[in-house]
Amino acid sequence: MSTSRRNFLRAASVAAGAGALSASSPRQAWADPAGSREPAPVKPPPSGDVGLLAGSPLLDAEALATAAIDAALKAGASYADARLVSWRRESLSVRDEHIRNVRRTSEFGLGLRVIADGAWGFAATHRVAPASKTAVETMQALAKQAVGAAKINAALRAQPVELAPMSPLVGQWVAPHGVDPFTVSPKDKADVLIAATKAALAVPGVLHATAGVQAQREEKLFLSSEGARIHQLMFRILPSLSAMAVSRRLGRFASRNHEIAPMLAGWEHVTDAKLDLDAPQIGEDAVRKLHAEAVEPGEQTVILAPSNLWLTIHESIGHPTELDRALGLEANYAGTSFMDPAKTGSLELGGEPIDFIADRTQPGGLATCAWDDDGAATERWDLVKDGKLVDWQTTRDQAHWIRDKTGDKDGHACSYGDSYASVAFQRMPNISLMPGKEGYTTEDLINATEDGILISGRGSWSIDHQRYNFQFSGQQFWKIEKGRLARPLRDVAYQANTVDFWKSCDMLGGEGSFRLGGSFGDGKGEPGQRNAVSHGCPPARFRVNVVNTGENS
């Protein structure tokens, strides 16, 4: 039995203390079949049209990238790779019925990474015009800079860089998509967004509405001294919609964000979302939230929708299973990890139903690609199996750090640099909580709960610098009584620590309830880099400490 919107609407058709509102519930990401994403396969999705790569300006600069690699080897490097990277980004937002902002940016350049004297070195340039008279001299200077940096780093290294053996790969891959978002005019995009805000503003009590869309086009050509040549193109898109309800009598406001997730997809993700049809419900939710009763704090049962749980997965499982963070090599941005690599295979993070898969192959996943920035083929693997930590996020040069614990000889293709000017290093893949085998729906979880709270949507969050103690909020909250949604709540957050939280999970939704969430802005490194990443999960039930975040009850 799959989760259906109709069943959820029937279960949620209760009065909400918000005046004359429709007795329906929001079209949640977990309640709408159109938002479904199946758990990951074992390889990347089939490529889109590789003809899009034929006229790429990166091809005009390929000879310069080859020249940079050759110059690095002559300068003393034992290994070299070059990444030609082109980015296009666009963001458009509206407030109420007016365009607020339109912004477009682009970048194009070459990053050269080398190993010399057993250490990494890196240098980058945006001067890659092949017609330049000094282009070859620029590549030679770049190579000397990168090799010089490696030799300086060699004096500081604890152990030499060791790359896992790998056959050179040659290939092309274009992320599957329907409509290139950069072929849609800003006017057409604005029309979609304005229609959504107008529909939200038509709800009595809604004072303001905002909507937006962010689009990314990332293209890269990777070459290595080992003979690799990999050309990839990815489109990512993030639509958004929010309504704000205001009560001057009560002296407060409440906002409600749509729960649509960003995806590795094209403009069709926005049109399929039908924001204008969802907008009245988003507005009504905001009014409902404004007039809802405050939550009673204390230890309680909560059911977390995928639109909420994905962020908790990101912070409590995603970051602490980054191997460099667990070893203390990454600490300047968001701290280290409470997880100990020495406890691989024995550290208990949950009961037997808890399985986490790491992957870069998830259809629609923001971190999905065919090869990473080491030129390694992407894959999926177990991070947590039957509640126990069994593996880590690794790259080609990290595999030997943990080989005796995991048996992994090659690394897990987690290398990524967010710009031509950024060093590629270990970044988070898509990480997903696997569905339960019983096939439960969200309604089944609600019906099985005598007393609890349903939480959906992304809210505020906080977690300590070892990714252990945390607090998360959400967008929309419903009190559950005797297996039914009784009334809306407000000012809800939940607290726990990572181990106790996942051990308290006693019920998981089935495969039909699996959904993706994600973010364009996962931060890591110093200087900081941003990675786009998705996390999938079914709805799940936990025991946590609920707190009231309002100024008064």
Protein backbone atom coordinates (compact mmCIF):
# COMPACT_ATOMS: atom_id res chain seq x y z
CA MET A 1 0.00 0.00 0.00
CA SER A 2 1.66 3.25 -1.10
CA THR A 3 1.31 6.59 0.57
CA SER A 4 -1.55 8.48 -1.06
CA ARG A 5 -2.50 12.10 -0.80
CA ARG A 6 -6.17 11.17 -0.66
CA ASN A 7 -5.72 8.96 2.42
CA PHE A 8 -3.68 11.61 4.14
CA LEU A 9 -6.22 14.32 3.41
CA ARG A 10 -8.94 12.13 4.86
CA ALA A 11 -6.89 11.52 8.01
CA ALA A 12 -6.07 15.19 8.37
CA SER A 13 -9.48 16.74 7.80
CA VAL A 14 -9.78 18.22 11.27
CA ALA A 15 -10.67 21.69 12.51
CA ALA A 16 -7.50 23.67 13.16
CA GLY A 17 -8.49 26.61 15.37
CA ALA A 18 -7.71 29.01 12.58
CA GLY A 19 -11.07 30.35 11.65
CA ALA A 20 -12.68 29.63 8.28
CA LEU A 21 -10.05 27.38 6.72
CA SER A 22 -10.48 24.46 4.39
CA ALA A 23 -10.33 21.14 6.21
CA SER A 24 -7.47 19.84 4.13
CA SER A 25 -3.82 19.24 4.79
CA PRO A 26 -0.71 20.45 2.96
CA ARG A 27 0.46 18.55 -0.07
CA GLN A 28 3.54 17.20 1.66
CA ALA A 29 6.60 15.93 -0.20
CA TRP A 30 5.96 12.55 1.42
CA ALA A 31 2.25 12.47 0.61
CA ASP A 32 2.37 13.17 -3.12
CA PRO A 33 3.35 10.38 -5.52
CA ALA A 34 4.69 12.96 -7.99
CA GLY A 35 7.53 13.73 -5.59
CA SER A 36 8.66 10.13 -5.28
CA ARG A 37 12.26 9.09 -5.81
CA GLU A 38 13.15 5.41 -5.65
CA PRO A 39 16.09 4.31 -3.49
CA ALA A 40 19.37 4.32 -5.38
CA PRO A 41 20.33 1.80 -8.07
CA VAL A 42 23.86 0.41 -8.30
CA LYS A 43 25.10 2.72 -11.01
CA PRO A 44 24.47 6.31 -12.21
CA PRO A 45 21.33 7.01 -14.23
CA PRO A 46 21.71 6.70 -18.01
CA SER A 47 23.30 9.73 -19.57
CA GLY A 48 21.29 12.50 -21.11
CA ASP A 49 22.09 13.85 -24.57
CA VAL A 50 25.91 13.89 -24.83
CA GLY A 51 25.47 15.98 -27.95
CA LEU A 52 25.26 18.93 -25.57
CA LEU A 53 28.99 18.50 -24.97
CA ALA A 54 29.99 18.71 -28.63
CA GLY A 55 30.27 22.48 -28.86
CA SER A 56 31.60 23.07 -25.38
CA PRO A 57 34.17 25.86 -24.89
CA LEU A 58 36.00 23.48 -22.58
CA LEU A 59 37.08 21.52 -25.64
CA ASP A 60 38.82 24.61 -27.03
CA ALA A 61 40.96 24.73 -23.88
CA GLU A 62 41.70 21.00 -23.71
CA ALA A 63 45.11 21.37 -25.36
CA LEU A 64 46.11 23.89 -22.70
CA ALA A 65 45.06 21.48 -19.95
CA THR A 66 47.22 18.78 -21.55
CA ALA A 67 50.09 21.25 -21.76
CA ALA A 68 49.73 22.05 -18.07
CA ILE A 69 49.91 18.35 -17.16
CA ASP A 70 52.98 17.84 -19.36
CA ALA A 71 54.67 20.88 -17.85
CA ALA A 72 53.97 19.61 -14.33
CA LEU A 73 55.59 16.24 -15.08
CA LYS A 74 58.64 18.01 -16.52
CA ALA A 75 58.81 20.18 -13.39
CA GLY A 76 59.07 17.12 -11.14
CA ALA A 77 55.51 15.92 -10.51
CA SER A 78 54.92 12.17 -10.32
CA TYR A 79 51.20 12.69 -11.03
CA ALA A 80 49.07 15.54 -12.37
CA ASP A 81 45.43 16.16 -13.22
CA ALA A 82 43.67 19.15 -14.72
CA ARG A 83 40.03 20.17 -14.32
CA LEU A 84 38.50 22.58 -16.78
CA VAL A 85 35.34 23.83 -15.09
CA SER A 86 32.50 26.04 -16.33
CA TRP A 87 29.70 27.24 -14.03
CA ARG A 88 26.52 29.13 -14.80
CA ARG A 89 24.23 30.12 -11.95
CA GLU A 90 20.95 31.97 -12.01
CA SER A 91 18.61 33.03 -9.22
CA LEU A 92 15.27 34.79 -9.60
CA SER A 93 12.93 35.76 -6.78
CA VAL A 94 9.62 37.57 -6.39
CA ARG A 95 7.90 39.08 -3.37
CA ASP A 96 4.14 39.28 -3.46
CA GLU A 97 3.41 40.11 -7.11
CA HIS A 98 6.68 41.84 -8.02
CA ILE A 99 10.11 40.72 -9.16
CA ARG A 100 12.60 41.29 -6.37
CA ASN A 101 15.86 40.00 -7.80
CA VAL A 102 17.39 38.50 -10.93
CA ARG A 103 21.02 37.45 -10.81
CA ARG A 104 23.26 35.57 -13.20
CA THR A 105 26.90 34.61 -12.67
CA SER A 106 29.42 32.51 -14.54
CA GLU A 107 33.00 31.31 -14.21
CA PHE A 108 35.44 29.38 -16.36
CA GLY A 109 38.96 28.27 -15.56
CA LEU A 110 41.50 25.53 -15.02
CA GLY A 111 42.70 23.89 -11.81
CA LEU A 112 45.95 21.90 -11.82
CA ARG A 113 46.62 19.36 -9.06
CA VAL A 114 49.94 17.53 -8.74
CA ILE A 115 51.85 15.15 -6.53
CA ALA A 116 55.54 15.96 -6.08
CA ASP A 117 57.88 14.57 -3.40
CA GLY A 118 54.89 12.65 -2.05
CA ALA A 119 52.69 15.69 -1.37
CA TRP A 120 49.80 17.48 -3.06
CA GLY A 121 50.20 20.84 -4.77
CA PHE A 122 47.60 22.98 -6.51
CA ALA A 123 47.33 26.07 -8.68
CA ALA A 124 44.55 27.57 -10.80
CA THR A 125 43.93 30.20 -13.45
CA HIS A 126 41.07 31.73 -15.39
CA ARG A 127 43.40 32.55 -18.30
CA VAL A 128 42.53 29.67 -20.59
CA ALA A 129 41.82 31.46 -23.87
CA PRO A 130 43.49 29.22 -26.48
CA ALA A 131 44.12 32.16 -28.81
CA SER A 132 46.33 33.86 -26.22
CA LYS A 133 49.96 34.29 -27.32
CA THR A 134 51.16 33.54 -23.82
CA ALA A 135 48.79 30.61 -23.16
CA VAL A 136 51.51 27.95 -23.14
CA GLU A 137 53.76 30.11 -20.97
CA THR A 138 50.82 30.55 -18.57
CA MET A 139 50.44 26.75 -18.29
CA GLN A 140 54.17 26.35 -17.66
CA ALA A 141 54.06 28.96 -14.91
CA LEU A 142 50.97 27.30 -13.44
CA ALA A 143 52.73 23.94 -13.37
CA LYS A 144 55.78 25.40 -11.61
CA GLN A 145 53.50 27.02 -9.05
CA ALA A 146 51.65 23.77 -8.34
CA VAL A 147 54.83 21.69 -8.11
CA GLY A 148 56.45 24.34 -5.91
CA ALA A 149 53.48 24.21 -3.55
CA ALA A 150 53.73 20.41 -3.39
CA LYS A 151 57.43 20.54 -2.47
CA ILE A 152 56.69 23.00 0.33
CA ASN A 153 53.89 20.74 1.56
CA ALA A 154 56.23 17.73 1.42
CA ALA A 155 58.23 19.14 4.31
CA LEU A 156 55.06 19.27 6.41
CA ARG A 157 53.41 15.97 5.50
CA ALA A 158 53.13 13.14 7.99
CA GLN A 159 53.09 10.45 5.29
CA PRO A 160 53.35 10.46 1.49
CA VAL A 161 50.23 10.60 -0.65
CA GLU A 162 49.18 7.12 -1.75
CA LEU A 163 46.73 6.87 -4.64
CA ALA A 164 44.69 3.68 -4.95
CA PRO A 165 45.49 1.93 -8.25
CA MET A 166 42.99 2.79 -10.96
CA SER A 167 42.72 2.14 -14.67
CA PRO A 168 42.35 5.42 -16.59
CA LEU A 169 38.75 6.05 -17.54
CA VAL A 170 37.45 7.78 -20.65
CA GLY A 171 33.82 8.80 -20.88
CA GLN A 172 31.05 11.39 -21.16
CA TRP A 173 27.95 11.85 -19.03
CA VAL A 174 25.12 14.39 -19.02
CA ALA A 175 22.70 14.43 -16.08
CA PRO A 176 19.22 13.36 -17.19
CA HIS A 177 16.92 16.36 -17.57
CA GLY A 178 13.94 17.47 -19.62
CA VAL A 179 14.40 21.20 -20.20
CA ASP A 180 17.65 23.11 -19.80
CA PRO A 181 16.63 25.81 -17.26
CA PHE A 182 18.91 28.32 -18.94
CA THR A 183 16.78 28.14 -22.11
CA VAL A 184 13.74 29.42 -20.19
CA SER A 185 13.51 33.21 -20.18
CA PRO A 186 13.55 35.17 -16.91
CA LYS A 187 10.08 36.49 -17.83
CA ASP A 188 8.64 32.99 -18.12
CA LYS A 189 10.22 32.03 -14.82
CA ALA A 190 8.89 35.15 -13.16
CA ASP A 191 5.40 34.49 -14.48
CA VAL A 192 5.37 31.06 -12.78
CA LEU A 193 6.57 32.53 -9.48
CA ILE A 194 4.21 35.52 -9.53
CA ALA A 195 1.25 33.24 -10.21
CA ALA A 196 2.19 31.23 -7.12
CA THR A 197 2.52 34.26 -4.84
CA LYS A 198 -0.79 35.69 -6.09
CA ALA A 199 -2.53 32.43 -5.23
CA ALA A 200 -1.03 32.45 -1.73
CA LEU A 201 -1.97 36.10 -1.16
CA ALA A 202 -5.60 35.29 -1.97
CA VAL A 203 -5.85 33.38 1.32
CA PRO A 204 -7.35 35.60 4.08
CA GLY A 205 -4.72 36.34 6.70
CA VAL A 206 -1.71 35.98 4.39
CA LEU A 207 0.10 39.32 4.21
CA HIS A 208 3.17 38.43 2.17
CA ALA A 209 4.32 35.66 -0.16
CA THR A 210 7.69 35.00 -1.75
CA ALA A 211 8.82 32.57 -4.42
CA GLY A 212 12.07 31.86 -6.18
CA VAL A 213 14.09 29.52 -8.33
CA GLN A 214 17.81 28.81 -8.39
CA ALA A 215 19.41 27.00 -11.31
CA GLN A 216 22.92 25.63 -11.74
CA ARG A 217 24.80 24.37 -14.76
CA GLU A 218 28.11 22.69 -13.88
CA GLU A 219 30.34 21.36 -16.65
CA LYS A 220 33.81 19.89 -16.22
CA LEU A 221 36.47 18.20 -18.31
CA PHE A 222 38.94 16.10 -16.29
CA LEU A 223 42.30 14.98 -17.66
CA SER A 224 45.09 13.14 -15.86
CA SER A 225 48.68 12.08 -16.46
CA GLU A 226 47.43 8.48 -16.17
CA GLY A 227 45.33 8.93 -19.34
CA ALA A 228 41.90 9.69 -17.93
CA ARG A 229 39.57 11.93 -19.94
CA ILE A 230 36.11 12.56 -18.48
CA HIS A 231 33.56 15.13 -19.63
CA GLN A 232 30.41 15.72 -17.53
CA LEU A 233 27.49 18.16 -17.38
CA MET A 234 25.05 18.55 -14.48
CA PHE A 235 21.87 20.65 -14.11
CA ARG A 236 20.45 21.34 -10.64
CA ILE A 237 17.33 23.31 -9.78
CA LEU A 238 15.71 24.59 -6.60
CA PRO A 239 12.19 26.12 -6.62
CA SER A 240 10.77 27.71 -3.48
CA LEU A 241 7.53 29.23 -2.18
CA SER A 242 6.70 30.75 1.18
CA ALA A 243 3.66 32.45 2.72
CA MET A 244 3.55 34.67 5.80
CA ALA A 245 0.41 35.11 7.91
CA VAL A 246 0.15 38.04 10.33
CA SER A 247 -2.16 38.68 13.27
CA ARG A 248 -2.01 42.23 14.60
CA ARG A 249 -4.38 41.25 17.38
CA LEU A 250 -2.05 38.52 18.62
CA GLY A 251 1.05 40.52 17.77
CA ARG A 252 2.78 37.68 15.93
CA PHE A 253 3.34 36.13 12.51
CA ALA A 254 3.92 32.66 11.11
CA SER A 255 5.52 31.54 7.88
CA ARG A 256 5.16 28.34 5.91
CA ASN A 257 7.61 27.14 3.26
CA HIS A 258 6.76 24.69 0.51
CA GLU A 259 8.55 21.37 1.05
CA ILE A 260 9.67 20.81 -2.53
CA ALA A 261 13.24 19.50 -2.68
CA PRO A 262 16.03 20.65 -5.01
CA MET A 263 16.90 18.07 -7.65
CA LEU A 264 19.43 17.09 -10.26
CA ALA A 265 16.94 17.92 -13.00
CA GLY A 266 15.83 20.60 -15.45
CA TRP A 267 13.07 23.18 -15.57
CA GLU A 268 10.49 20.39 -15.70
CA HIS A 269 10.98 19.97 -11.94
CA VAL A 270 9.48 23.44 -11.47
CA THR A 271 6.55 22.98 -13.85
CA ASP A 272 5.76 19.54 -12.40
CA ALA A 273 5.61 21.08 -8.93
CA LYS A 274 2.59 23.23 -9.86
CA LEU A 275 3.42 25.84 -7.25
CA ASP A 276 0.35 27.91 -8.09
CA LEU A 277 -1.94 24.98 -7.23
CA ASP A 278 -0.15 24.32 -3.93
CA ALA A 279 0.01 28.01 -2.99
CA PRO A 280 -3.48 28.29 -1.39
CA GLN A 281 -2.67 25.33 0.86
CA ILE A 282 0.68 26.86 1.80
CA GLY A 283 -1.14 30.08 2.71
CA GLU A 284 -3.75 28.22 4.75
CA ASP A 285 -0.99 26.33 6.55
CA ALA A 286 0.63 29.62 7.53
CA VAL A 287 -2.66 30.88 8.99
CA ARG A 288 -3.19 27.55 10.75
CA LYS A 289 0.27 27.77 12.25
CA LEU A 290 -0.35 31.34 13.38
CA HIS A 291 -3.39 30.34 15.41
CA ALA A 292 -2.19 26.91 16.55
CA GLU A 293 -1.68 26.10 20.21
CA ALA A 294 1.85 25.98 21.57
CA VAL A 295 3.41 22.59 22.12
CA GLU A 296 3.72 21.09 25.58
CA PRO A 297 7.41 20.29 26.18
CA GLY A 298 8.69 16.96 27.43
CA GLU A 299 9.72 13.52 26.23
CA GLN A 300 7.42 12.51 23.39
CA THR A 301 7.02 10.30 20.35
CA VAL A 302 7.54 12.09 17.04
CA ILE A 303 6.97 11.01 13.46
CA LEU A 304 9.39 12.81 11.16
CA ALA A 305 8.46 13.22 7.51
CA PRO A 306 11.27 12.87 4.93
CA SER A 307 11.04 16.63 4.33
CA ASN A 308 12.28 17.07 7.91
CA LEU A 309 14.36 13.96 8.56
CA TRP A 310 16.74 14.49 5.63
CA LEU A 311 18.48 17.39 7.39
CA THR A 312 18.87 15.40 10.61
CA ILE A 313 20.48 12.64 8.52
CA HIS A 314 22.80 15.20 6.92
CA GLU A 315 24.04 16.58 10.23
CA SER A 316 24.05 13.49 12.46
CA ILE A 317 25.15 10.82 9.94
CA GLY A 318 26.48 12.66 6.88
CA HIS A 319 29.12 14.89 8.45
CA PRO A 320 30.44 12.55 11.15
CA THR A 321 31.09 9.75 8.62
CA GLU A 322 33.47 11.95 6.59
CA LEU A 323 36.75 10.15 7.22
CA ASP A 324 38.93 13.25 7.25
CA ARG A 325 36.61 14.86 9.83
CA ALA A 326 36.69 11.75 12.03
CA LEU A 327 40.50 11.74 11.92
CA GLY A 328 40.69 15.40 12.91
CA LEU A 329 42.00 16.56 9.54
CA GLU A 330 38.84 18.66 9.01
CA ALA A 331 37.86 20.82 11.96
CA ASN A 332 37.82 24.49 10.99
CA TYR A 333 34.40 24.25 9.40
CA ALA A 334 31.73 22.67 11.67
CA GLY A 335 34.07 20.68 13.87
CA THR A 336 35.17 17.06 13.97
CA SER A 337 33.25 13.83 14.70
CA PHE A 338 32.34 11.74 17.73
CA MET A 339 32.75 8.61 15.58
CA ASP A 340 36.04 6.72 15.88
CA PRO A 341 37.42 4.91 12.82
CA ALA A 342 38.89 2.33 15.19
CA LYS A 343 35.31 1.29 16.02
CA THR A 344 34.37 0.56 12.42
CA GLY A 345 32.24 -2.55 12.46
CA SER A 346 31.36 -2.26 16.14
CA LEU A 347 30.00 1.25 16.81
CA GLU A 348 26.24 0.94 17.29
CA LEU A 349 24.22 3.82 15.87
CA GLY A 350 20.78 2.21 15.89
CA GLY A 351 18.86 -1.03 15.91
CA GLU A 352 18.65 -3.64 13.16
CA PRO A 353 16.16 -1.70 10.98
CA ILE A 354 18.66 1.16 10.56
CA ASP A 355 20.61 0.99 7.29
CA PHE A 356 22.30 3.99 5.68
CA ILE A 357 23.51 3.89 2.09
CA ALA A 358 26.08 6.36 0.76
CA ASP A 359 26.03 6.89 -2.98
CA ARG A 360 26.68 9.16 -5.92
CA THR A 361 24.26 7.30 -8.18
CA GLN A 362 20.83 8.29 -6.81
CA PRO A 363 18.48 9.46 -9.61
CA GLY A 364 17.69 13.10 -8.91
CA GLY A 365 20.37 13.29 -6.20
CA LEU A 366 22.26 16.57 -6.16
CA ALA A 367 25.64 14.86 -5.63
CA THR A 368 25.03 12.30 -8.39
CA CYS A 369 27.52 12.04 -11.25
CA ALA A 370 29.29 9.29 -13.18
CA TRP A 371 32.87 10.05 -12.07
CA ASP A 372 34.30 12.08 -9.21
CA ASP A 373 37.05 14.71 -9.37
CA ASP A 374 39.72 12.04 -9.00
CA GLY A 375 38.41 10.44 -12.18
CA ALA A 376 37.03 7.47 -10.22
CA ALA A 377 33.73 5.81 -11.17
CA THR A 378 30.95 6.56 -8.70
CA GLU A 379 29.13 3.88 -6.73
CA ARG A 380 26.97 3.21 -3.69
CA TRP A 381 27.98 1.40 -0.51
CA ASP A 382 26.87 0.65 3.04
CA LEU A 383 27.72 3.23 5.70
CA VAL A 384 25.59 1.77 8.49
CA LYS A 385 24.29 -1.80 8.33
CA ASP A 386 21.84 -3.21 10.89
CA GLY A 387 22.58 -0.21 13.08
CA LYS A 388 26.39 -0.60 13.04
CA LEU A 389 28.94 1.69 11.40
CA VAL A 390 30.63 -0.35 8.67
CA ASP A 391 32.30 2.16 6.31
CA TRP A 392 33.16 5.81 5.59
CA GLN A 393 33.12 8.48 2.93
CA THR A 394 36.52 8.27 1.20
CA THR A 395 38.52 9.30 -1.83
CA ARG A 396 41.24 7.62 -3.85
CA ASP A 397 44.02 8.96 -1.61
CA GLN A 398 42.19 8.07 1.62
CA ALA A 399 41.46 4.39 0.89
CA HIS A 400 44.62 3.11 2.57
CA TRP A 401 43.82 5.02 5.77
CA ILE A 402 40.94 2.69 6.58
CA ARG A 403 41.70 -0.37 4.44
CA ASP A 404 42.34 -2.69 7.40
CA LYS A 405 38.89 -1.86 8.82
CA THR A 406 36.72 -1.92 5.71
CA GLY A 407 38.65 -3.92 3.14
CA ASP A 408 38.13 -1.10 0.64
CA LYS A 409 41.15 -0.80 -1.65
CA ASP A 410 39.94 1.87 -4.06
CA GLY A 411 38.08 4.57 -2.08
CA HIS A 412 34.48 5.55 -2.70
CA ALA A 413 34.71 8.32 -5.33
CA CYS A 414 33.90 11.20 -2.97
CA SER A 415 36.38 13.72 -4.41
CA TYR A 416 34.92 17.10 -5.42
CA GLY A 417 36.01 20.71 -5.89
CA ASP A 418 33.33 23.38 -6.17
CA SER A 419 35.27 25.55 -8.63
CA TYR A 420 38.21 25.40 -10.99
CA ALA A 421 40.00 27.42 -8.30
CA SER A 422 39.15 24.97 -5.48
CA VAL A 423 41.19 21.96 -4.42
CA ALA A 424 39.25 18.73 -4.88
CA PHE A 425 38.90 16.88 -1.57
CA GLN A 426 36.50 14.51 0.18
CA ARG A 427 32.91 15.77 -0.01
CA MET A 428 29.62 14.24 1.03
CA PRO A 429 27.77 11.91 -1.36
CA ASN A 430 24.02 11.42 -1.27
CA ILE A 431 23.28 9.53 1.95
CA SER A 432 19.96 7.77 2.47
CA LEU A 433 18.13 5.94 5.24
CA MET A 434 16.76 2.77 3.67
CA PRO A 435 13.01 2.07 3.89
CA GLY A 436 11.56 -0.57 6.19
CA LYS A 437 10.66 -3.98 4.80
CA GLU A 438 7.11 -3.92 6.19
CA GLY A 439 5.95 -1.42 3.56
CA TYR A 440 4.32 0.97 6.03
CA THR A 441 2.83 4.25 4.81
CA THR A 442 2.87 7.54 6.68
CA GLU A 443 -0.74 6.87 7.62
CA ASP A 444 0.30 3.53 9.13
CA LEU A 445 2.82 5.28 11.38
CA ILE A 446 0.20 7.82 12.46
CA ASN A 447 -2.42 5.15 13.10
CA ALA A 448 0.05 3.17 15.24
CA THR A 449 0.81 6.18 17.47
CA GLU A 450 -1.37 6.75 20.51
CA ASP A 451 0.15 10.09 21.45
CA GLY A 452 2.75 12.06 19.53
CA ILE A 453 3.60 14.80 17.05
CA LEU A 454 3.99 14.74 13.25
CA ILE A 455 6.75 17.09 12.05
CA SER A 456 7.34 17.98 8.42
CA GLY A 457 9.51 20.49 6.56
CA ARG A 458 12.89 22.04 7.27
CA GLY A 459 13.24 24.45 10.19
CA SER A 460 16.02 25.76 12.39
CA TRP A 461 18.80 23.41 13.49
CA SER A 462 21.81 23.27 15.78
CA ILE A 463 24.39 20.54 16.45
CA ASP A 464 27.58 20.47 18.49
CA HIS A 465 31.08 20.37 17.02
CA GLN A 466 31.33 16.60 17.27
CA ARG A 467 27.96 16.03 15.56
CA TYR A 468 26.52 14.45 18.69
CA ASN A 469 24.00 16.63 20.60
CA PHE A 470 21.45 18.42 18.45
CA GLN A 471 18.18 20.34 18.17
CA PHE A 472 15.98 20.52 15.07
CA SER A 473 12.70 22.22 14.30
CA GLY A 474 10.40 21.98 11.27
CA GLN A 475 7.77 23.75 9.19
CA GLN A 476 4.46 22.21 10.16
CA PHE A 477 3.42 20.31 13.28
CA TRP A 478 0.37 18.17 14.07
CA LYS A 479 -0.67 16.68 17.38
CA ILE A 480 -1.42 12.96 17.13
CA GLU A 481 -4.05 11.51 19.47
CA LYS A 482 -5.26 7.90 19.34
CA GLY A 483 -3.85 7.33 15.89
CA ARG A 484 -5.31 10.44 14.27
CA LEU A 485 -4.10 13.95 13.48
CA ALA A 486 -5.99 15.99 16.06
CA ARG A 487 -4.87 19.63 15.67
CA PRO A 488 -1.94 21.79 14.54
CA LEU A 489 0.81 22.93 16.90
CA ARG A 490 3.46 25.63 16.85
CA ASP A 491 6.84 26.41 18.43
CA VAL A 492 8.03 22.79 18.19
CA ALA A 493 11.63 21.54 18.23
CA TYR A 494 13.16 18.23 19.23
CA GLN A 495 16.42 17.44 21.01
CA ALA A 496 18.51 14.27 21.23
CA ASN A 497 21.99 12.93 20.71
CA THR A 498 22.87 11.02 17.58
CA VAL A 499 23.20 7.56 19.15
CA ASP A 500 20.11 7.73 21.37
CA PHE A 501 18.07 9.24 18.54
CA TRP A 502 18.72 6.50 16.01
CA LYS A 503 18.43 3.76 18.63
CA SER A 504 14.97 5.09 19.53
CA CYS A 505 13.67 4.60 15.96
CA ASP A 506 11.04 1.87 16.19
CA MET A 507 9.07 2.25 12.95
CA LEU A 508 10.03 3.04 9.35
CA GLY A 509 7.96 3.79 6.28
CA GLY A 510 8.25 1.46 3.31
CA GLU A 511 9.76 1.95 -0.12
CA GLY A 512 6.66 3.74 -1.43
CA SER A 513 7.17 6.49 1.15
CA PHE A 514 10.85 7.13 0.32
CA ARG A 515 11.56 10.77 -0.66
CA LEU A 516 14.60 12.96 -1.29
CA GLY A 517 15.49 16.21 0.42
CA GLY A 518 18.63 18.23 -0.07
CA SER A 519 20.61 21.44 -0.18
CA PHE A 520 22.73 23.47 -2.57
CA GLY A 521 24.89 24.70 0.32
CA ASP A 522 26.70 21.94 2.25
CA GLY A 523 29.78 23.67 3.64
CA LYS A 524 33.18 22.19 4.36
CA GLY A 525 36.86 23.10 4.26
CA GLU A 526 39.06 26.10 4.93
CA PRO A 527 38.76 28.12 2.73
CA GLY A 528 35.14 27.00 2.65
CA GLN A 529 33.59 25.16 -0.28
CA ARG A 530 29.93 24.42 -1.03
CA ASN A 531 28.65 21.08 -2.27
CA ALA A 532 25.11 20.19 -3.40
CA VAL A 533 23.86 17.00 -1.77
CA SER A 534 20.62 15.02 -1.33
CA HIS A 535 19.42 12.65 1.37
CA GLY A 536 16.56 10.21 0.99
CA CYS A 537 14.47 8.51 3.64
CA PRO A 538 11.00 7.24 4.51
CA PRO A 539 8.99 8.73 7.39
CA ALA A 540 10.22 7.36 10.71
CA ARG A 541 9.15 7.32 14.37
CA PHE A 542 11.40 8.31 17.29
CA ARG A 543 11.39 9.10 21.00
CA VAL A 544 12.90 12.55 21.72
CA ASN A 545 12.80 15.53 24.06
CA VAL A 546 10.36 18.09 22.64
CA VAL A 547 10.92 21.75 23.51
CA ASN A 548 8.78 24.87 23.12
CA THR A 549 10.71 27.46 21.12
CA GLY A 550 8.20 30.30 21.57
CA GLU A 551 8.60 33.30 23.86
CA ASN A 552 5.47 32.27 25.71
CA SER A 553 3.01 29.42 25.63
